[in-house]
Protein backbone atom coordinates (compact mmCIF):
# COMPACT_ATOMS: atom_id res chain seq x y z
CA MET A 1 -1.63 5.59 11.98
CA SER A 2 1.74 3.28 11.79
CA VAL A 3 5.02 4.34 11.36
CA SER A 4 5.34 3.19 7.67
CA HIS A 5 2.31 5.17 6.63
CA TYR A 6 3.95 8.26 8.37
CA LEU A 7 7.14 7.64 5.98
CA LEU A 8 4.93 7.68 3.11
CA LYS A 9 4.78 11.48 3.57
CA VAL A 10 8.46 11.56 2.98
CA PRO A 11 9.46 12.20 -0.87
CA HIS A 12 9.89 8.43 -2.19
CA VAL A 13 13.42 9.23 -3.79
CA LEU A 14 14.64 10.56 -0.47
CA LEU A 15 12.96 8.02 1.21
CA PHE A 16 14.60 5.38 -0.87
CA PHE A 17 18.09 6.71 -0.04
CA ALA A 18 17.69 7.13 3.52
CA ILE A 19 16.33 3.82 4.25
CA THR A 20 19.24 1.91 1.90
CA THR A 21 21.93 4.30 3.66
CA LEU A 22 20.65 3.73 7.01
CA PHE A 23 21.13 0.17 6.75
CA ALA A 24 24.13 0.22 4.61
CA GLY A 25 25.77 2.65 7.61
CA LEU A 26 24.52 0.36 10.28
CA SER A 27 26.75 -2.86 8.43
CA VAL A 28 29.26 -0.82 7.56
CA LEU A 29 29.69 0.86 11.14
CA GLY A 30 28.86 -2.68 13.19
CA THR A 31 31.72 -4.15 11.10
CA MET A 32 34.42 -1.34 11.62
CA LEU A 33 33.49 -1.24 15.31
CA PHE A 34 33.88 -5.04 15.84
CA LYS A 35 37.30 -5.04 13.97
CA LYS A 36 38.72 -2.35 15.99
CA TYR A 37 37.35 -2.71 19.51
CA SER A 38 36.06 -6.32 19.52
CA HIS A 39 38.41 -8.77 21.54
CA LEU A 40 37.17 -11.63 19.86
CA ARG A 41 39.47 -12.99 17.63
CA VAL A 42 37.87 -15.28 14.41
CA HIS A 43 39.83 -17.56 12.94
CA ARG A 44 39.19 -19.30 9.94
CA THR A 45 37.78 -22.54 10.81
CA HIS A 46 35.28 -20.50 13.18
CA SER A 47 34.45 -18.16 9.71
CA GLU A 48 33.70 -21.31 8.02
CA VAL A 49 31.15 -22.27 10.94
CA VAL A 50 29.88 -18.72 11.06
CA GLY A 51 29.35 -19.16 7.11
CA GLU A 52 27.48 -22.27 7.30
CA VAL A 53 24.97 -20.39 9.92
CA PHE A 54 24.89 -17.34 7.73
CA SER A 55 24.22 -18.92 4.89
CA THR A 56 21.18 -20.80 6.63
CA VAL A 57 20.01 -17.65 8.50
CA GLY A 58 20.26 -15.81 5.47
CA GLY A 59 18.31 -18.37 3.35
CA LEU A 60 15.05 -18.20 6.11
CA TYR A 61 15.63 -14.74 6.00
CA GLY A 62 15.28 -14.13 2.55
CA LEU A 63 12.10 -16.84 2.23
CA LEU A 64 10.58 -14.54 4.77
CA LEU A 65 11.40 -11.26 3.11
CA GLY A 66 10.34 -12.70 -0.28
CA PHE A 67 7.09 -13.97 1.37
CA VAL A 68 6.33 -10.60 2.88
CA VAL A 69 7.02 -8.68 -0.40
CA PHE A 70 4.90 -11.02 -2.44
CA LEU A 71 1.66 -10.37 0.21
CA VAL A 72 2.28 -6.62 0.06
CA TRP A 73 2.67 -6.49 -3.49
CA ASP A 74 -0.31 -8.96 -4.19
CA SER A 75 -2.52 -6.83 -1.83
CA ALA A 76 -1.74 -3.84 -3.45
CA ASP A 77 -2.46 -5.32 -6.77
CA GLN A 78 -5.65 -6.59 -5.53
CA ALA A 79 -6.28 -2.98 -4.12
CA GLN A 80 -5.76 -1.40 -7.31
CA SER A 81 -7.86 -3.91 -9.23
CA ASN A 82 -10.46 -3.30 -6.69
CA ALA A 83 -10.24 0.48 -7.51
CA ASN A 84 -10.57 0.04 -10.92
CA ARG A 85 -13.70 -2.17 -10.82
CA GLU A 86 -15.59 0.17 -8.06
CA GLY A 87 -14.68 3.04 -10.64
CA SER A 88 -15.88 1.15 -13.80
CA LEU A 89 -19.15 0.56 -12.22
CA ALA A 90 -19.54 4.29 -10.71
CA ARG A 91 -19.06 5.36 -14.59
CA GLY A 92 -21.42 2.93 -15.32
CA LEU A 93 -24.19 4.01 -13.00
CA TYR A 94 -23.53 7.68 -13.97
CA ARG A 95 -24.52 6.60 -17.66
CA ASP A 96 -27.72 4.60 -16.76
CA ILE A 97 -28.82 7.45 -14.68
CA ARG A 98 -27.60 10.14 -17.33
CA TYR A 99 -29.37 8.45 -20.53
CA HIS A 100 -32.37 7.16 -18.82
CA PRO A 101 -35.37 8.56 -21.38
CA ASP A 102 -37.21 10.12 -18.35
CA THR A 103 -34.58 12.81 -17.36
CA ALA A 104 -37.00 14.78 -15.10
CA THR A 105 -37.61 11.72 -12.77
CA MET A 106 -33.86 11.23 -12.45
CA ALA A 107 -32.89 14.57 -11.96
CA PRO A 108 -32.72 14.29 -8.11
CA LEU A 109 -31.27 11.02 -8.40
CA ARG A 110 -28.45 12.62 -10.68
CA ALA A 111 -27.93 15.81 -8.06
CA VAL A 112 -27.57 12.90 -5.39
CA TYR A 113 -25.44 10.73 -7.36
CA LEU A 114 -23.05 13.77 -8.17
CA ALA A 115 -22.73 14.59 -4.70
CA TYR A 116 -21.66 11.40 -3.77
CA VAL A 117 -19.26 11.17 -6.40
CA ARG A 118 -17.86 14.52 -5.26
CA HIS A 119 -17.60 13.02 -1.94
CA VAL A 120 -15.85 10.22 -3.04
CA VAL A 121 -13.11 12.32 -4.86
CA TYR A 122 -12.98 15.16 -2.28
CA ARG A 123 -13.23 13.95 0.96
CA GLU A 124 -12.90 9.90 0.73
CA TYR A 125 -9.69 9.44 -0.97
CA PRO A 126 -7.96 12.24 1.29
CA LEU A 127 -9.28 10.65 4.34
CA LEU A 128 -7.63 7.06 2.86
CA GLU A 129 -4.29 8.69 1.97
CA SER A 130 -4.27 10.10 5.51
CA GLY A 131 -4.74 6.70 7.24
CA GLN A 132 -8.45 8.02 8.98
CA PRO A 133 -11.46 5.79 8.64
CA LEU A 134 -14.72 6.92 6.81
CA THR A 135 -17.27 8.04 8.88
CA LYS A 136 -21.19 7.44 9.49
CA TYR A 137 -21.39 11.15 7.50
CA ASP A 138 -19.21 9.50 4.43
CA ARG A 139 -21.60 6.53 4.52
CA ARG A 140 -24.70 8.71 4.83
CA THR A 141 -23.62 10.18 1.33
CA PHE A 142 -23.42 6.69 -0.55
CA ASN A 143 -27.10 5.62 1.40
CA ASP A 144 -28.87 8.76 -0.06
CA VAL A 145 -28.31 7.23 -3.55
CA PHE A 146 -29.96 3.98 -2.01
CA ARG A 147 -33.06 6.49 -0.71
CA GLN A 148 -33.37 8.24 -3.67
CA LEU A 149 -33.24 5.47 -6.02
CA GLU A 150 -35.84 3.08 -4.20
CA ARG A 151 -38.55 6.12 -4.98
CA LEU A 152 -38.15 5.12 -8.46
CA ASP A 153 -40.37 2.54 -9.98
CA ALA A 154 -38.76 -0.56 -9.57
CA ARG A 155 -40.89 -2.45 -12.22
CA ASP A 156 -38.77 -0.37 -14.93
CA PRO A 157 -35.93 -2.81 -16.31
CA LEU A 158 -33.61 0.21 -16.37
CA ILE A 159 -34.46 1.07 -12.58
CA GLU A 160 -33.51 -2.79 -11.76
CA GLN A 161 -30.28 -2.48 -13.65
CA MET A 162 -29.63 0.72 -11.89
CA PHE A 163 -30.22 -1.09 -8.62
CA ARG A 164 -28.02 -3.95 -9.58
CA HIS A 165 -25.23 -1.52 -10.50
CA LEU A 166 -25.39 -0.12 -7.32
CA ASN A 167 -25.31 -2.85 -5.15
CA GLU A 168 -22.36 -4.13 -6.90
CA LEU A 169 -20.69 -0.70 -6.49
CA ALA A 170 -21.26 -0.88 -2.42
CA THR A 171 -19.53 -4.08 -2.47
CA TYR A 172 -16.35 -3.09 -4.23
CA ARG A 173 -16.57 0.14 -2.32
CA GLY A 174 -16.42 -1.65 0.99
CA LEU A 175 -13.36 -3.81 -0.46
CA ARG A 176 -11.85 -0.23 -1.04
CA GLN A 177 -12.36 0.90 2.48
CA LEU A 178 -10.89 -2.52 3.59
CA ASN A 179 -7.52 -2.61 1.23
CA ALA A 180 -7.01 1.20 2.75
CA THR A 181 -7.24 0.00 6.16
CA SER A 182 -5.15 -3.46 6.33
CA GLU A 183 -0.89 -3.22 6.92
CA ILE A 184 1.31 -5.50 8.00
CA PRO A 185 0.64 -5.59 11.87
CA GLY A 186 3.31 -3.65 13.78
CA ILE A 187 4.17 -6.97 15.84
CA LEU A 188 5.37 -8.32 12.46
CA TRP A 189 7.74 -5.92 11.90
CA LEU A 190 9.57 -6.71 14.81
CA PRO A 191 10.82 -10.02 13.20
CA LEU A 192 11.41 -8.13 10.23
CA LEU A 193 13.84 -5.73 11.40
CA ALA A 194 15.54 -8.02 14.53
CA GLY A 195 16.20 -10.36 11.06
CA ALA A 196 17.95 -7.77 9.37
CA LEU A 197 20.01 -6.72 11.93
CA LEU A 198 20.88 -10.60 12.91
CA THR A 199 21.91 -10.90 9.15
CA ILE A 200 24.29 -7.74 9.83
CA VAL A 201 25.79 -9.30 12.72
CA PHE A 202 26.52 -12.54 11.07
CA VAL A 203 28.22 -10.88 8.12
CA THR A 204 30.45 -8.97 10.35
CA LEU A 205 31.65 -12.19 12.17
CA LEU A 206 32.90 -13.15 8.53
CA LYS A 207 36.69 -13.67 8.18
CA ILE A 208 37.72 -11.50 5.70
CA ASP A 209 41.34 -10.43 5.50
CA SER A 210 40.99 -7.20 3.39
CA LEU A 211 39.08 -4.56 5.44
CA ARG A 212 38.00 -2.31 2.64
CA LEU A 213 36.54 -6.12 0.93
CA HIS A 214 34.97 -6.61 4.21
CA LEU A 215 33.17 -3.18 4.60
CA LEU A 216 31.88 -3.34 1.19
CA VAL A 217 30.54 -6.51 1.43
CA SER A 218 28.62 -5.60 4.46
CA GLY A 219 27.77 -2.33 2.95
CA LEU A 220 26.49 -3.91 0.08
CA LEU A 221 24.25 -6.48 2.29
CA GLY A 222 22.81 -3.67 4.51
CA ALA A 223 22.03 -1.85 1.19
CA PHE A 224 20.04 -4.66 -0.03
CA LEU A 225 18.30 -5.48 3.09
CA GLY A 226 17.48 -1.46 2.87
CA MET A 227 16.04 -1.80 -0.51
CA THR A 228 13.47 -4.63 0.53
CA ILE A 229 12.38 -2.46 3.75
CA TYR A 230 11.70 0.45 0.93
CA ILE A 231 9.62 -1.80 -1.42
CA ILE A 232 7.53 -3.28 1.67
CA VAL A 233 6.78 0.16 3.10
CA LEU A 234 6.23 1.74 -0.07
CA LEU A 235 3.50 -1.25 -1.21
CA ASP A 236 2.18 -1.55 2.28
CA HIS A 237 -0.32 1.53 1.87
CA PRO A 238 -1.54 1.39 -1.58
CA PHE A 239 -3.71 4.67 -1.12
CA ALA A 240 -0.86 6.69 0.25
CA GLY A 241 2.41 8.10 -1.26
CA GLU A 242 3.38 9.39 -4.42
CA ILE A 243 2.31 5.92 -5.84
CA LYS A 244 -0.83 5.98 -4.42
CA ILE A 245 -4.19 4.82 -6.14
CA GLU A 246 -6.32 7.67 -7.37
CA PRO A 247 -10.07 8.38 -7.94
CA GLU A 248 -9.21 8.26 -11.67
CA GLU A 249 -13.25 7.01 -12.76
CA TYR A 250 -14.80 8.94 -10.07
CA ARG A 251 -13.07 12.32 -11.57
CA LEU A 252 -14.23 11.37 -15.26
CA ILE A 253 -17.42 11.21 -13.91
CA LEU A 254 -17.43 14.77 -13.23
CA THR A 255 -15.23 15.63 -16.35
CA MET A 256 -18.06 13.72 -17.82
CA ASP A 257 -21.21 15.64 -16.31
CA GLU A 258 -19.35 19.27 -16.96
CA GLU A 259 -18.93 18.59 -20.74
CA GLY A 260 -22.39 17.33 -21.00
CA ASP A 261 -21.19 13.69 -22.08
């Protein structure tokens, strides 16, 4: 489990203020220490050169951050879309089984399928939230639905339709597992954090006569960097945290079955 995954266990509001304050504090502290203890005297001409380099580095780092934010945002959106599609297929398959004319023949399949639905709600999603991979036992509950379905008469067009829905459901189930385990590799966090540190160093080297203004600029830049890192952490694990993807459609199936719908 990655560090970013552990961070999502912290309440998100607290996490936001912690990360933002950390980066802002580092920026302000770095500026204060540089002003107080550094023997390097930055003249106006030096500051102009530093400012030009800072603009270049800041622009490139901004592009990197923007690309990463877009990447994790798109990945989280795709994970939500796939989960919604999977849930819709699961609910459609339940209706196929529930309203098949031969209820006696469908009874074993319905029992196995509902066992799978409960397994998804009460085991698979909690596993995904904790960052743990699914096991053979988890795959077995889904395979049991296939085994039960293949015992039925495949010449029945309704059974054939169930097979199509189940195969499509298997595809999106696999995508859900892939979306849950995909994350920014740890090695990529190194340039992200190093770039933030480098940007903070550049802002401390700027020649600003007013110490208060310099500290304010440094703090605001650090806070902005912290907010961006917070967004990346928040979206990197779509099945974890307070805004995680929930198995709403699967829960609806259980509700429908309890209410006899």
